[in-house]
């Protein structure tokens, strides 16, 4: 049970780090382009980023609405550029590495999991794919270690019995 708790804790830690990255860099980008409510919109972007693939769009909608009211299409285009740059860096570099490092899963495995789960189960699949994989992986590794320990002790018992005779 301790190993599962650790796996879930590591996943949540990785998600929090990743959400902070997106929130901070989106906020900085919004400040650089003079976006009103940059801090609030950056926090929204970070929080909604937890939902793979769709979350960034959910966080983008309020920012582009504020941009359209603030400065028209030019400001909305600048917001779009900030979001695209941050999301490309996050999706291709940050997320797979952070989650991969916290869960000891190769970044390519995470990308494949998200793509497959998205095709199979849509948004819920993408949300649950990585933590479910990490939990199943932890259980399988633990079961394998128990099996090896059991076989090693059985082999040792047989060897000791035959040496004593």
Protein backbone atom coordinates (compact mmCIF):
# COMPACT_ATOMS: atom_id res chain seq x y z
CA UNK A 1 0.00 0.00 0.00
CA UNK A 2 2.91 2.32 0.75
CA UNK A 3 4.17 1.99 -2.83
CA UNK A 4 0.77 2.95 -4.25
CA UNK A 5 0.58 5.95 -1.94
CA UNK A 6 4.03 7.00 -3.09
CA UNK A 7 3.09 6.60 -6.76
CA UNK A 8 -0.07 8.69 -6.38
CA UNK A 9 1.79 11.30 -4.34
CA UNK A 10 4.52 11.52 -7.00
CA UNK A 11 1.91 11.97 -9.73
CA UNK A 12 0.16 14.76 -7.83
CA UNK A 13 3.52 16.43 -7.16
CA UNK A 14 4.42 16.24 -10.85
CA UNK A 15 1.05 17.67 -11.87
CA UNK A 16 1.44 20.53 -9.39
CA UNK A 17 4.92 21.37 -10.71
CA UNK A 18 3.66 21.25 -14.27
CA UNK A 19 0.63 23.42 -13.48
CA UNK A 20 2.88 25.97 -11.76
CA UNK A 21 5.15 26.07 -14.83
CA UNK A 22 2.24 26.78 -17.17
CA UNK A 23 0.68 29.32 -14.80
CA UNK A 24 3.91 31.23 -14.23
CA UNK A 25 5.06 31.30 -17.85
CA UNK A 26 1.61 32.19 -19.15
CA UNK A 27 1.38 35.00 -16.59
CA UNK A 28 4.83 36.30 -17.58
CA UNK A 29 3.83 36.18 -21.24
CA UNK A 30 0.60 38.03 -20.54
CA UNK A 31 2.47 40.73 -18.58
CA UNK A 32 4.94 41.09 -21.46
CA UNK A 33 2.13 41.82 -23.94
CA UNK A 34 0.24 44.08 -21.53
CA UNK A 35 -2.73 41.77 -21.03
CA UNK A 36 -5.21 42.95 -18.42
CA UNK A 37 -5.80 40.54 -15.51
CA UNK A 38 -2.55 38.76 -16.44
CA UNK A 39 -2.11 37.15 -13.02
CA UNK A 40 -5.69 35.88 -12.80
CA UNK A 41 -5.68 34.58 -16.37
CA UNK A 42 -2.30 32.91 -15.82
CA UNK A 43 -3.63 31.13 -12.73
CA UNK A 44 -6.67 29.96 -14.70
CA UNK A 45 -4.37 28.70 -17.47
CA UNK A 46 -2.28 26.77 -14.94
CA UNK A 47 -5.27 25.19 -13.22
CA UNK A 48 -7.07 24.19 -16.40
CA UNK A 49 -3.86 22.79 -17.84
CA UNK A 50 -4.37 19.73 -15.64
CA UNK A 51 -6.77 18.43 -18.30
CA UNK A 52 -4.54 17.13 -21.10
CA UNK A 53 -5.07 18.61 -24.56
CA UNK A 54 -8.41 20.30 -23.78
CA UNK A 55 -7.42 22.18 -20.62
CA UNK A 56 -5.26 24.74 -22.41
CA UNK A 57 -8.20 25.70 -24.62
CA UNK A 58 -10.44 26.08 -21.58
CA UNK A 59 -7.82 28.40 -20.04
CA UNK A 60 -7.39 30.25 -23.33
CA UNK A 61 -11.06 31.20 -23.76
CA UNK A 62 -11.29 33.76 -20.91
CA UNK A 63 -7.92 35.26 -21.91
CA UNK A 64 -8.93 35.78 -25.53
CA UNK A 65 -12.29 37.26 -24.49
CA UNK A 66 -10.52 39.78 -22.22
CA UNK A 67 -8.01 40.48 -25.01
CA UNK A 68 -10.77 41.15 -27.55
CA UNK A 69 -12.44 43.59 -25.16
CA UNK A 70 -9.11 45.19 -24.22
CA UNK A 71 -7.34 45.68 -27.52
CA UNK A 72 -9.23 43.94 -30.26
CA UNK A 73 -7.82 41.39 -32.65
CA UNK A 74 -4.21 42.49 -32.22
CA UNK A 75 -4.29 41.78 -28.49
CA UNK A 76 -6.15 38.50 -29.08
CA UNK A 77 -3.44 37.48 -31.57
CA UNK A 78 -0.74 38.25 -28.99
CA UNK A 79 -2.59 36.17 -26.37
CA UNK A 80 -2.84 33.34 -28.89
CA UNK A 81 0.90 33.48 -29.55
CA UNK A 82 1.71 33.41 -25.81
CA UNK A 83 -0.56 30.42 -25.26
CA UNK A 84 0.80 28.56 -28.29
CA UNK A 85 4.43 29.08 -27.25
CA UNK A 86 3.83 28.06 -23.62
CA UNK A 87 1.74 25.04 -24.62
CA UNK A 88 4.25 23.81 -27.18
CA UNK A 89 7.08 23.99 -24.66
CA UNK A 90 4.90 22.36 -22.01
CA UNK A 91 3.40 19.58 -24.11
CA UNK A 92 6.58 18.54 -25.88
CA UNK A 93 9.24 19.12 -23.24
CA UNK A 94 8.02 19.89 -19.74
CA UNK A 95 5.04 17.58 -19.13
CA UNK A 96 6.61 14.33 -20.35
CA UNK A 97 9.84 15.05 -18.47
CA UNK A 98 8.32 16.18 -15.17
CA UNK A 99 5.70 13.45 -14.98
CA UNK A 100 8.18 10.92 -16.34
CA UNK A 101 10.78 11.83 -13.73
CA UNK A 102 8.36 11.86 -10.80
CA UNK A 103 6.91 8.47 -11.78
CA UNK A 104 10.03 6.90 -13.33
CA UNK A 105 8.24 6.50 -16.67
CA UNK A 106 9.93 7.30 -19.98
CA UNK A 107 8.53 10.52 -21.53
CA UNK A 108 7.76 8.73 -24.81
CA UNK A 109 5.65 6.21 -22.86
CA UNK A 110 3.61 9.09 -21.46
CA UNK A 111 3.03 10.58 -24.90
CA UNK A 112 1.93 7.20 -26.30
CA UNK A 113 -0.34 6.62 -23.28
CA UNK A 114 -2.06 9.98 -23.74
CA UNK A 115 -2.56 9.47 -27.47
CA UNK A 116 -3.90 5.92 -27.07
CA UNK A 117 -6.14 6.76 -24.11
CA UNK A 118 -7.50 9.79 -25.95
CA UNK A 119 -8.44 7.65 -28.93
CA UNK A 120 -9.98 4.93 -26.77
CA UNK A 121 -11.75 6.89 -24.04
CA UNK A 122 -11.58 10.56 -24.98
CA UNK A 123 -10.95 13.22 -22.35
CA UNK A 124 -11.57 10.95 -19.33
CA UNK A 125 -9.07 8.49 -20.78
CA UNK A 126 -6.44 11.20 -21.17
CA UNK A 127 -6.97 12.37 -17.60
CA UNK A 128 -6.76 8.87 -16.13
CA UNK A 129 -4.18 7.24 -18.43
CA UNK A 130 -0.94 8.25 -16.73
CA UNK A 131 -2.00 7.75 -13.10
CA UNK A 132 -3.71 4.44 -13.97
CA UNK A 133 -0.60 3.25 -15.80
CA UNK A 134 1.61 4.28 -12.88
CA UNK A 135 -0.60 2.43 -10.38
CA UNK A 136 -0.78 -0.75 -12.50
CA UNK A 137 2.97 -0.57 -13.08
CA UNK A 138 3.60 -0.27 -9.32
CA UNK A 139 1.37 -3.28 -8.60
CA UNK A 140 3.02 -5.40 -11.31
CA UNK A 141 6.54 -4.52 -10.12
CA UNK A 142 5.59 -5.32 -6.52
CA UNK A 143 4.00 -8.63 -7.53
CA UNK A 144 7.08 -9.51 -9.62
CA UNK A 145 9.37 -8.75 -6.67
CA UNK A 146 7.24 -10.92 -4.38
CA UNK A 147 7.28 -13.75 -6.92
CA UNK A 148 11.06 -13.51 -7.26
CA UNK A 149 11.49 -13.45 -3.49
CA UNK A 150 9.25 -16.48 -3.13
CA UNK A 151 11.13 -18.42 -5.84
CA UNK A 152 14.49 -17.41 -4.39
CA UNK A 153 13.51 -18.59 -0.92
CA UNK A 154 12.07 -21.85 -2.33
CA UNK A 155 15.26 -22.45 -4.32
CA UNK A 156 17.37 -21.68 -1.24
CA UNK A 157 15.29 -24.10 0.87
CA UNK A 158 15.68 -26.87 -1.72
CA UNK A 159 19.43 -26.22 -2.00
CA UNK A 160 19.89 -26.20 1.78
CA UNK A 161 17.87 -29.41 2.17
CA UNK A 162 19.89 -31.24 -0.48
CA UNK A 163 23.21 -30.03 1.00
CA UNK A 164 22.25 -31.23 4.49
CA UNK A 165 21.55 -34.76 3.22
